[in-house]
Amino acid sequence: MIDGIVFQLTVNDDIMATIYDGDVIIFTLTISYPDAIESRYHNISIDERIAEAKERYEAGELSEEEYSREVEDLEKEKIEVKSIKIGVKGKPWIESVEFLTMKGEKWTLLKWKLITLDYSPEGDVVELSGDENLYAEVAVDPEYIMKKIPEGEYAVKARISGLESNAVAIKVIHKESKEDLENRLGRTARYHILKGNIDKAKKAIDGILSVAPGSILGWILMAELYERMNELDKALDALKKAREEFYRQNPDFWEPPRYIDTKITRLEIKKTMEGEGERE
């Protein structure tokens, strides 16, 4: 294992989560190499200083000997950028990730049915050398949780190519709960949107808006659902409702809701392009 690699695992955007009936479990993993990034930036700054020395040499400010000595000294300041290969040739790197759980005093393979929602970059073996990070979201379906995972407390961590993440804690309780309902239903709705489960996503979003009609999250998710259904007018209406709620709830906030505005602009462009395509 190379020092400086950061392998971070979260569950439902935290290091611990309580899962009630109807909830989804979403593991998010990121693997980064900040030491390599820092080394790259350091070497770039050295190259810039070498370029400056060349300009001074060409301007007659340095002799050839002075220029050569300065370049030689600067080259010695560069740092070797190490890299690590992650994954196994022949299958997407995300499929090489093992999830482990604690049984007694030992870590064993987690036998839950896991569903990959998203990952980047694509490909099998990824060379991590400071120019990109690895990211993935892996989920456990709500119905599977209710039927197959007994109540209890679980510790889970991930492993790939000799790298191990931190551990996260999960508590499964088989009952319904209104605790943190907006965020919990929001995660479930997003999961169903990504899976194309339109009816289940709509039910979760309706659940958010029934208890919190002004939920900005709820209206954004509704927009995402309508976009998935290619009902762009309804998606735009939902985003405008989200923007309206933002201003109502944050009257003194000095910045506009850039995330919402960007999504509105993107959808308006998409709608225009689709309209032009139909006319052609």
C-alpha atoms as a PDB file:
ATOM      1  CA  MET A   1       0.000   0.000   0.000  1.00  0.00           C
ATOM      2  CA  ILE A   2       1.258   3.469  -0.889  1.00  0.00           C
ATOM      3  CA  ASP A   3       1.207   6.106   1.826  1.00  0.00           C
ATOM      4  CA  GLY A   4      -0.977   9.090   1.037  1.00  0.00           C
ATOM      5  CA  ILE A   5      -3.899   7.201  -0.516  1.00  0.00           C
ATOM      6  CA  VAL A   6      -7.233   8.231   1.020  1.00  0.00           C
ATOM      7  CA  PHE A   7     -10.022   5.643   0.789  1.00  0.00           C
ATOM      8  CA  GLN A   8     -13.208   7.093   2.258  1.00  0.00           C
ATOM      9  CA  LEU A   9     -16.462   5.181   2.749  1.00  0.00           C
ATOM     10  CA  THR A  10     -19.752   6.726   3.865  1.00  0.00           C
ATOM     11  CA  VAL A  11     -23.228   5.292   4.327  1.00  0.00           C
ATOM     12  CA  ASN A  12     -26.120   7.594   3.484  1.00  0.00           C
ATOM     13  CA  ASP A  13     -23.654  10.516   3.483  1.00  0.00           C
ATOM     14  CA  ASP A  14     -22.345   9.803   6.995  1.00  0.00           C
ATOM     15  CA  ILE A  15     -20.162   7.323   8.862  1.00  0.00           C
ATOM     16  CA  MET A  16     -23.192   5.867  10.649  1.00  0.00           C
ATOM     17  CA  ALA A  17     -26.831   5.418   9.676  1.00  0.00           C
ATOM     18  CA  THR A  18     -30.039   4.100  11.187  1.00  0.00           C
ATOM     19  CA  ILE A  19     -32.154   2.273   8.605  1.00  0.00           C
ATOM     20  CA  TYR A  20     -35.928   1.977   9.041  1.00  0.00           C
ATOM     21  CA  ASP A  21     -38.418   0.129   6.851  1.00  0.00           C
ATOM     22  CA  GLY A  22     -38.593   1.754   3.433  1.00  0.00           C
ATOM     23  CA  ASP A  23     -35.093   3.223   3.639  1.00  0.00           C
ATOM     24  CA  VAL A  24     -32.317   2.589   1.169  1.00  0.00           C
ATOM     25  CA  ILE A  25     -28.664   2.026   2.066  1.00  0.00           C
ATOM     26  CA  ILE A  26     -26.276   3.928  -0.204  1.00  0.00           C
ATOM     27  CA  PHE A  27     -22.556   3.360   0.202  1.00  0.00           C
ATOM     28  CA  THR A  28     -20.420   6.114  -1.311  1.00  0.00           C
ATOM     29  CA  LEU A  29     -16.741   5.433  -1.782  1.00  0.00           C
ATOM     30  CA  THR A  30     -14.006   7.776  -2.933  1.00  0.00           C
ATOM     31  CA  ILE A  31     -10.352   6.972  -3.461  1.00  0.00           C
ATOM     32  CA  SER A  32      -7.948   9.857  -3.905  1.00  0.00           C
ATOM     33  CA  TYR A  33      -4.203  10.424  -3.849  1.00  0.00           C
ATOM     34  CA  PRO A  34      -3.666  13.928  -2.424  1.00  0.00           C
ATOM     35  CA  ASP A  35       0.096  13.367  -1.949  1.00  0.00           C
ATOM     36  CA  ALA A  36       0.464  12.758  -5.691  1.00  0.00           C
ATOM     37  CA  ILE A  37      -1.657  15.817  -6.478  1.00  0.00           C
ATOM     38  CA  GLU A  38       0.579  17.935  -4.248  1.00  0.00           C
ATOM     39  CA  SER A  39       3.693  16.488  -5.933  1.00  0.00           C
ATOM     40  CA  ARG A  40       2.313  17.276  -9.380  1.00  0.00           C
ATOM     41  CA  TYR A  41       1.592  20.878  -8.430  1.00  0.00           C
ATOM     42  CA  HIS A  42       5.063  21.160  -6.934  1.00  0.00           C
ATOM     43  CA  ASN A  43       6.642  19.887 -10.166  1.00  0.00           C
ATOM     44  CA  ILE A  44       4.516  22.260 -12.248  1.00  0.00           C
ATOM     45  CA  SER A  45       5.812  25.180 -10.182  1.00  0.00           C
ATOM     46  CA  ILE A  46       9.386  23.967 -10.819  1.00  0.00           C
ATOM     47  CA  ASP A  47       8.721  23.820 -14.573  1.00  0.00           C
ATOM     48  CA  GLU A  48       7.414  27.377 -14.416  1.00  0.00           C
ATOM     49  CA  ARG A  49      10.615  28.511 -12.688  1.00  0.00           C
ATOM     50  CA  ILE A  50      12.684  26.705 -15.353  1.00  0.00           C
ATOM     51  CA  ALA A  51      10.703  28.525 -18.060  1.00  0.00           C
ATOM     52  CA  GLU A  52      11.392  31.844 -16.320  1.00  0.00           C
ATOM     53  CA  ALA A  53      15.116  31.013 -16.194  1.00  0.00           C
ATOM     54  CA  LYS A  54      15.051  30.299 -19.934  1.00  0.00           C
ATOM     55  CA  GLU A  55      13.433  33.669 -20.598  1.00  0.00           C
ATOM     56  CA  ARG A  56      16.164  35.408 -18.557  1.00  0.00           C
ATOM     57  CA  TYR A  57      18.837  33.424 -20.412  1.00  0.00           C
ATOM     58  CA  GLU A  58      17.371  34.362 -23.797  1.00  0.00           C
ATOM     59  CA  ALA A  59      17.178  37.984 -22.661  1.00  0.00           C
ATOM     60  CA  GLY A  60      20.883  37.930 -21.827  1.00  0.00           C
ATOM     61  CA  GLU A  61      20.389  38.177 -18.066  1.00  0.00           C
ATOM     62  CA  LEU A  62      22.034  34.778 -17.457  1.00  0.00           C
ATOM     63  CA  SER A  63      25.119  33.226 -18.975  1.00  0.00           C
ATOM     64  CA  GLU A  64      24.848  29.753 -20.442  1.00  0.00           C
ATOM     65  CA  GLU A  65      26.697  28.337 -17.451  1.00  0.00           C
ATOM     66  CA  GLU A  66      24.425  30.153 -14.969  1.00  0.00           C
ATOM     67  CA  TYR A  67      21.337  28.989 -16.854  1.00  0.00           C
ATOM     68  CA  SER A  68      22.472  25.350 -16.974  1.00  0.00           C
ATOM     69  CA  ARG A  69      23.354  25.362 -13.270  1.00  0.00           C
ATOM     70  CA  GLU A  70      20.000  26.916 -12.304  1.00  0.00           C
ATOM     71  CA  VAL A  71      18.057  24.371 -14.395  1.00  0.00           C
ATOM     72  CA  GLU A  72      20.073  21.503 -12.921  1.00  0.00           C
ATOM     73  CA  ASP A  73      19.405  22.705  -9.367  1.00  0.00           C
ATOM     74  CA  LEU A  74      15.692  23.137 -10.081  1.00  0.00           C
ATOM     75  CA  GLU A  75      15.381  19.672 -11.617  1.00  0.00           C
ATOM     76  CA  LYS A  76      16.803  18.241  -8.382  1.00  0.00           C
ATOM     77  CA  GLU A  77      13.907  19.853  -6.480  1.00  0.00           C
ATOM     78  CA  LYS A  78      11.303  17.847  -8.373  1.00  0.00           C
ATOM     79  CA  ILE A  79       9.456  15.106  -6.527  1.00  0.00           C
ATOM     80  CA  GLU A  80       8.837  11.650  -7.962  1.00  0.00           C
ATOM     81  CA  VAL A  81       5.114  11.141  -8.558  1.00  0.00           C
ATOM     82  CA  LYS A  82       4.261   7.585  -7.592  1.00  0.00           C
ATOM     83  CA  SER A  83       1.155   5.832  -8.864  1.00  0.00           C
ATOM     84  CA  ILE A  84      -0.950   2.848  -7.904  1.00  0.00           C
ATOM     85  CA  LYS A  85      -3.023   0.609 -10.177  1.00  0.00           C
ATOM     86  CA  ILE A  86      -6.485  -0.194  -8.879  1.00  0.00           C
ATOM     87  CA  GLY A  87      -8.763  -2.905 -10.226  1.00  0.00           C
ATOM     88  CA  VAL A  88      -8.469  -6.152 -12.145  1.00  0.00           C
ATOM     89  CA  LYS A  89      -8.094  -6.374 -15.900  1.00  0.00           C
ATOM     90  CA  GLY A  90     -11.207  -7.549 -17.702  1.00  0.00           C
ATOM     91  CA  LYS A  91     -13.991  -6.142 -15.519  1.00  0.00           C
ATOM     92  CA  PRO A  92     -15.060  -2.678 -14.307  1.00  0.00           C
ATOM     93  CA  TRP A  93     -12.975  -1.622 -11.320  1.00  0.00           C
ATOM     94  CA  ILE A  94     -16.104  -1.192  -9.190  1.00  0.00           C
ATOM     95  CA  GLU A  95     -16.718  -4.944  -9.485  1.00  0.00           C
ATOM     96  CA  SER A  96     -13.332  -5.537  -7.851  1.00  0.00           C
ATOM     97  CA  VAL A  97     -14.420  -3.729  -4.682  1.00  0.00           C
ATOM     98  CA  GLU A  98     -15.119  -6.095  -1.814  1.00  0.00           C
ATOM     99  CA  PHE A  99     -17.425  -5.059   1.006  1.00  0.00           C
ATOM    100  CA  LEU A 100     -16.641  -6.599   4.383  1.00  0.00           C
ATOM    101  CA  THR A 101     -18.557  -6.869   7.627  1.00  0.00           C
ATOM    102  CA  MET A 102     -17.468  -7.749  11.143  1.00  0.00           C
ATOM    103  CA  LYS A 103     -18.411 -11.238  12.329  1.00  0.00           C
ATOM    104  CA  GLY A 104     -17.210 -11.817  15.857  1.00  0.00           C
ATOM    105  CA  GLU A 105     -13.684 -10.483  15.766  1.00  0.00           C
ATOM    106  CA  LYS A 106     -13.064 -11.077  12.050  1.00  0.00           C
ATOM    107  CA  TRP A 107     -13.931  -9.211   8.869  1.00  0.00           C
ATOM    108  CA  THR A 108     -15.734 -11.410   6.353  1.00  0.00           C
ATOM    109  CA  LEU A 109     -17.286 -10.744   2.935  1.00  0.00           C
ATOM    110  CA  LEU A 110     -20.596  -8.908   3.113  1.00  0.00           C
ATOM    111  CA  LYS A 111     -23.294 -11.092   1.549  1.00  0.00           C
ATOM    112  CA  TRP A 112     -25.931  -8.408   0.992  1.00  0.00           C
ATOM    113  CA  LYS A 113     -27.197  -7.913  -2.553  1.00  0.00           C
ATOM    114  CA  LEU A 114     -25.466  -4.740  -3.739  1.00  0.00           C
ATOM    115  CA  ILE A 115     -26.531  -2.600  -6.705  1.00  0.00           C
ATOM    116  CA  THR A 116     -24.117  -0.214  -8.436  1.00  0.00           C
ATOM    117  CA  LEU A 117     -25.802   3.137  -9.048  1.00  0.00           C
ATOM    118  CA  ASP A 118     -22.911   5.177 -10.389  1.00  0.00           C
ATOM    119  CA  TYR A 119     -19.135   5.105 -10.685  1.00  0.00           C
ATOM    120  CA  SER A 120     -16.320   6.969 -12.382  1.00  0.00           C
ATOM    121  CA  PRO A 121     -14.088   6.744 -14.207  1.00  0.00           C
ATOM    122  CA  GLU A 122     -15.186   3.878 -16.402  1.00  0.00           C
ATOM    123  CA  GLY A 123     -12.775   1.076 -17.244  1.00  0.00           C
ATOM    124  CA  ASP A 124     -11.137  -1.803 -15.471  1.00  0.00           C
ATOM    125  CA  VAL A 125      -7.657  -1.001 -14.160  1.00  0.00           C
ATOM    126  CA  VAL A 126      -7.321   2.645 -13.143  1.00  0.00           C
ATOM    127  CA  GLU A 127      -3.914   4.193 -12.512  1.00  0.00           C
ATOM    128  CA  LEU A 128      -4.228   6.606  -9.617  1.00  0.00           C
ATOM    129  CA  SER A 129      -1.434   9.127  -9.959  1.00  0.00           C
ATOM    130  CA  GLY A 130      -2.923  12.387  -8.754  1.00  0.00           C
ATOM    131  CA  ASP A 131      -4.820  13.394 -11.876  1.00  0.00           C
ATOM    132  CA  GLU A 132      -8.205  11.864 -11.010  1.00  0.00           C
ATOM    133  CA  ASN A 133     -10.178  10.349  -8.140  1.00  0.00           C
ATOM    134  CA  LEU A 134     -12.286   7.199  -8.053  1.00  0.00           C
ATOM    135  CA  TYR A 135     -15.930   7.552  -7.065  1.00  0.00           C
ATOM    136  CA  ALA A 136     -18.794   5.083  -6.745  1.00  0.00           C
ATOM    137  CA  GLU A 137     -22.251   4.706  -5.241  1.00  0.00           C
ATOM    138  CA  VAL A 138     -23.480   1.227  -4.323  1.00  0.00           C
ATOM    139  CA  ALA A 139     -26.941   0.622  -2.882  1.00  0.00           C
ATOM    140  CA  VAL A 140     -29.031  -1.957  -1.033  1.00  0.00           C
ATOM    141  CA  ASP A 141     -32.681  -1.972  -2.119  1.00  0.00           C
ATOM    142  CA  PRO A 142     -35.321  -1.094   0.544  1.00  0.00           C
ATOM    143  CA  GLU A 143     -37.340  -4.273  -0.055  1.00  0.00           C
ATOM    144  CA  TYR A 144     -34.210  -6.426   0.224  1.00  0.00           C
ATOM    145  CA  ILE A 145     -33.354  -4.738   3.530  1.00  0.00           C
ATOM    146  CA  MET A 146     -36.808  -5.467   4.960  1.00  0.00           C
ATOM    147  CA  LYS A 147     -36.857  -9.094   3.777  1.00  0.00           C
ATOM    148  CA  LYS A 148     -33.237 -10.211   4.051  1.00  0.00           C
ATOM    149  CA  ILE A 149     -31.331  -8.147   6.619  1.00  0.00           C
ATOM    150  CA  PRO A 150     -32.152  -8.909  10.265  1.00  0.00           C
ATOM    151  CA  GLU A 151     -32.455  -6.124  12.792  1.00  0.00           C
ATOM    152  CA  GLY A 152     -29.155  -5.336  14.408  1.00  0.00           C
ATOM    153  CA  GLU A 153     -25.960  -3.339  14.230  1.00  0.00           C
ATOM    154  CA  TYR A 154     -23.427  -3.837  11.466  1.00  0.00           C
ATOM    155  CA  ALA A 155     -19.930  -2.568  10.700  1.00  0.00           C
ATOM    156  CA  VAL A 156     -18.971  -2.382   7.022  1.00  0.00           C
ATOM    157  CA  LYS A 157     -15.799  -1.419   5.181  1.00  0.00           C
ATOM    158  CA  ALA A 158     -14.564  -1.715   1.580  1.00  0.00           C
ATOM    159  CA  ARG A 159     -11.394  -3.185   0.108  1.00  0.00           C
ATOM    160  CA  ILE A 160      -9.754  -3.104  -3.330  1.00  0.00           C
ATOM    161  CA  SER A 161      -6.212  -3.748  -4.583  1.00  0.00           C
ATOM    162  CA  GLY A 162      -4.823  -3.964  -1.064  1.00  0.00           C
ATOM    163  CA  LEU A 163      -6.470  -0.699  -0.010  1.00  0.00           C
ATOM    164  CA  GLU A 164      -9.002  -0.630   2.820  1.00  0.00           C
ATOM    165  CA  SER A 165     -11.476   2.086   3.705  1.00  0.00           C
ATOM    166  CA  ASN A 166     -12.623   3.277   7.085  1.00  0.00           C
ATOM    167  CA  ALA A 167     -15.509   1.382   8.682  1.00  0.00           C
ATOM    168  CA  VAL A 168     -19.076   2.676   8.811  1.00  0.00           C
ATOM    169  CA  ALA A 169     -21.801   1.692  11.281  1.00  0.00           C
ATOM    170  CA  ILE A 170     -25.325   0.659  10.273  1.00  0.00           C
ATOM    171  CA  LYS A 171     -28.263  -0.008  12.588  1.00  0.00           C
ATOM    172  CA  VAL A 172     -31.268  -1.751  11.025  1.00  0.00           C
ATOM    173  CA  ILE A 173     -34.643  -1.332  12.753  1.00  0.00           C
ATOM    174  CA  HIS A 174     -37.677  -3.011  11.215  1.00  0.00           C
ATOM    175  CA  LYS A 175     -40.337  -0.410  11.874  1.00  0.00           C
ATOM    176  CA  GLU A 176     -41.528   2.804  10.264  1.00  0.00           C
ATOM    177  CA  SER A 177     -40.265   6.120  11.580  1.00  0.00           C
ATOM    178  CA  LYS A 178     -40.836   9.814  10.959  1.00  0.00           C
ATOM    179  CA  GLU A 179     -37.335  10.668  12.179  1.00  0.00           C
ATOM    180  CA  ASP A 180     -35.433  12.774   9.606  1.00  0.00           C
ATOM    181  CA  LEU A 181     -38.172  11.784   7.148  1.00  0.00           C
ATOM    182  CA  GLU A 182     -37.387  14.363   4.442  1.00  0.00           C
ATOM    183  CA  ASN A 183     -33.774  13.289   3.975  1.00  0.00           C
ATOM    184  CA  ARG A 184     -34.536   9.576   4.294  1.00  0.00           C
ATOM    185  CA  LEU A 185     -37.329   9.703   1.723  1.00  0.00           C
ATOM    186  CA  GLY A 186     -35.121  11.892  -0.445  1.00  0.00           C
ATOM    187  CA  ARG A 187     -32.421   9.216  -0.586  1.00  0.00           C
ATOM    188  CA  THR A 188     -35.006   6.536  -1.330  1.00  0.00           C
ATOM    189  CA  ALA A 189     -36.587   8.667  -4.078  1.00  0.00           C
ATOM    190  CA  ARG A 190     -33.220   9.347  -5.684  1.00  0.00           C
ATOM    191  CA  TYR A 191     -32.412   5.632  -5.619  1.00  0.00           C
ATOM    192  CA  HIS A 192     -35.674   4.762  -7.374  1.00  0.00           C
ATOM    193  CA  ILE A 193     -35.164   7.554  -9.932  1.00  0.00           C
ATOM    194  CA  LEU A 194     -31.743   6.161 -10.820  1.00  0.00           C
ATOM    195  CA  LYS A 195     -33.191   2.651 -11.039  1.00  0.00           C
ATOM    196  CA  GLY A 196     -36.092   3.832 -13.211  1.00  0.00           C
ATOM    197  CA  ASN A 197     -38.699   2.792 -10.614  1.00  0.00           C
ATOM    198  CA  ILE A 198     -41.051   5.649 -11.484  1.00  0.00           C
ATOM    199  CA  ASP A 199     -44.008   4.725  -9.263  1.00  0.00           C
ATOM    200  CA  LYS A 200     -41.852   4.056  -6.211  1.00  0.00           C
ATOM    201  CA  ALA A 201     -39.922   7.290  -6.726  1.00  0.00           C
ATOM    202  CA  LYS A 202     -43.175   9.268  -7.047  1.00  0.00           C
ATOM    203  CA  LYS A 203     -44.512   7.673  -3.862  1.00  0.00           C
ATOM    204  CA  ALA A 204     -41.389   8.673  -1.924  1.00  0.00           C
ATOM    205  CA  ILE A 205     -41.454  12.248  -3.269  1.00  0.00           C
ATOM    206  CA  ASP A 206     -45.165  12.569  -2.507  1.00  0.00           C
ATOM    207  CA  GLY A 207     -44.312  11.418   1.013  1.00  0.00           C
ATOM    208  CA  ILE A 208     -41.834  14.290   1.361  1.00  0.00           C
ATOM    209  CA  LEU A 209     -44.240  16.917   0.044  1.00  0.00           C
ATOM    210  CA  SER A 210     -47.139  15.625   2.148  1.00  0.00           C
ATOM    211  CA  VAL A 211     -45.251  16.361   5.380  1.00  0.00           C
ATOM    212  CA  ALA A 212     -43.250  19.330   4.017  1.00  0.00           C
ATOM    213  CA  PRO A 213     -45.061  21.011   1.072  1.00  0.00           C
ATOM    214  CA  GLY A 214     -42.308  23.608   0.864  1.00  0.00           C
ATOM    215  CA  SER A 215     -39.471  21.070   0.713  1.00  0.00           C
ATOM    216  CA  ILE A 216     -36.845  22.348  -1.721  1.00  0.00           C
ATOM    217  CA  LEU A 217     -35.388  18.842  -1.869  1.00  0.00           C
ATOM    218  CA  GLY A 218     -38.802  17.393  -2.667  1.00  0.00           C
ATOM    219  CA  TRP A 219     -39.387  19.755  -5.601  1.00  0.00           C
ATOM    220  CA  ILE A 220     -35.886  19.186  -6.984  1.00  0.00           C
ATOM    221  CA  LEU A 221     -36.444  15.429  -6.858  1.00  0.00           C
ATOM    222  CA  MET A 222     -39.822  15.868  -8.513  1.00  0.00           C
ATOM    223  CA  ALA A 223     -38.076  17.751 -11.322  1.00  0.00           C
ATOM    224  CA  GLU A 224     -35.535  14.943 -11.700  1.00  0.00           C
ATOM    225  CA  LEU A 225     -38.342  12.396 -11.865  1.00  0.00           C
ATOM    226  CA  TYR A 226     -40.256  14.356 -14.525  1.00  0.00           C
ATOM    227  CA  GLU A 227     -37.071  14.795 -16.543  1.00  0.00           C
ATOM    228  CA  ARG A 228     -36.520  11.037 -16.358  1.00  0.00           C
ATOM    229  CA  MET A 229     -40.051  10.685 -17.776  1.00  0.00           C
ATOM    230  CA  ASN A 230     -39.173  13.307 -20.436  1.00  0.00           C
ATOM    231  CA  GLU A 231     -41.941  15.600 -19.192  1.00  0.00           C
ATOM    232  CA  LEU A 232     -39.791  18.708 -19.390  1.00  0.00           C
ATOM    233  CA  ASP A 233     -42.535  21.281 -18.809  1.00  0.00           C
ATOM    234  CA  LYS A 234     -43.504  19.608 -15.531  1.00  0.00           C
ATOM    235  CA  ALA A 235     -39.811  19.314 -14.588  1.00  0.00           C
ATOM    236  CA  LEU A 236     -39.323  23.050 -15.172  1.00  0.00           C
ATOM    237  CA  ASP A 237     -42.439  23.878 -13.140  1.00  0.00           C
ATOM    238  CA  ALA A 238     -41.088  21.785 -10.242  1.00  0.00           C
ATOM    239  CA  LEU A 239     -37.691  23.522 -10.385  1.00  0.00           C
ATOM    240  CA  LYS A 240     -39.343  26.941 -10.440  1.00  0.00           C
ATOM    241  CA  LYS A 241     -41.339  25.884  -7.394  1.00  0.00           C
ATOM    242  CA  ALA A 242     -38.057  24.878  -5.711  1.00  0.00           C
ATOM    243  CA  ARG A 243     -36.568  28.284  -6.560  1.00  0.00           C
ATOM    244  CA  GLU A 244     -39.668  30.063  -5.267  1.00  0.00           C
ATOM    245  CA  GLU A 245     -39.429  28.129  -1.998  1.00  0.00           C
ATOM    246  CA  PHE A 246     -35.737  28.964  -1.710  1.00  0.00           C
ATOM    247  CA  TYR A 247     -36.423  32.700  -1.855  1.00  0.00           C
ATOM    248  CA  ARG A 248     -39.391  32.379   0.493  1.00  0.00           C
ATOM    249  CA  GLN A 249     -37.377  30.463   3.076  1.00  0.00           C
ATOM    250  CA  ASN A 250     -34.177  32.523   2.658  1.00  0.00           C
ATOM    251  CA  PRO A 251     -35.340  36.125   2.137  1.00  0.00           C
ATOM    252  CA  ASP A 252     -32.044  37.610   3.323  1.00  0.00           C
ATOM    253  CA  PHE A 253     -29.715  35.163   1.599  1.00  0.00           C
ATOM    254  CA  TRP A 254     -27.365  37.172  -0.594  1.00  0.00           C
ATOM    255  CA  GLU A 255     -26.633  34.527  -3.251  1.00  0.00           C
ATOM    256  CA  PRO A 256     -29.156  33.090  -5.731  1.00  0.00           C
ATOM    257  CA  PRO A 257     -29.780  29.328  -5.710  1.00  0.00           C
ATOM    258  CA  ARG A 258     -27.141  28.589  -8.347  1.00  0.00           C
ATOM    259  CA  TYR A 259     -27.724  24.843  -8.329  1.00  0.00           C
ATOM    260  CA  ILE A 260     -31.421  25.289  -9.097  1.00  0.00           C
ATOM    261  CA  ASP A 261     -30.809  28.068 -11.627  1.00  0.00           C
ATOM    262  CA  THR A 262     -28.259  25.918 -13.455  1.00  0.00           C
ATOM    263  CA  LYS A 263     -30.706  23.010 -13.658  1.00  0.00           C
ATOM    264  CA  ILE A 264     -33.431  25.339 -14.983  1.00  0.00           C
ATOM    265  CA  THR A 265     -31.096  26.713 -17.661  1.00  0.00           C
ATOM    266  CA  ARG A 266     -29.990  23.223 -18.675  1.00  0.00           C
ATOM    267  CA  LEU A 267     -33.574  22.000 -18.968  1.00  0.00           C
ATOM    268  CA  GLU A 268     -34.642  25.056 -20.976  1.00  0.00           C
ATOM    269  CA  ILE A 269     -31.777  24.405 -23.411  1.00  0.00           C
ATOM    270  CA  LYS A 270     -32.720  20.712 -23.587  1.00  0.00           C
ATOM    271  CA  LYS A 271     -36.361  21.618 -24.264  1.00  0.00           C
ATOM    272  CA  THR A 272     -35.358  24.060 -27.011  1.00  0.00           C
ATOM    273  CA  MET A 273     -33.062  21.530 -28.680  1.00  0.00           C
ATOM    274  CA  GLU A 274     -35.728  18.826 -28.596  1.00  0.00           C
ATOM    275  CA  GLY A 275     -38.241  21.282 -30.091  1.00  0.00           C
ATOM    276  CA  GLU A 276     -35.856  22.150 -32.904  1.00  0.00           C
ATOM    277  CA  GLY A 277     -35.255  18.443 -33.545  1.00  0.00           C
ATOM    278  CA  GLU A 278     -38.993  17.804 -33.852  1.00  0.00           C
ATOM    279  CA  ARG A 279     -39.401  20.659 -36.384  1.00  0.00           C
ATOM    280  CA  GLU A 280     -36.594  19.276 -38.531  1.00  0.00           C
END
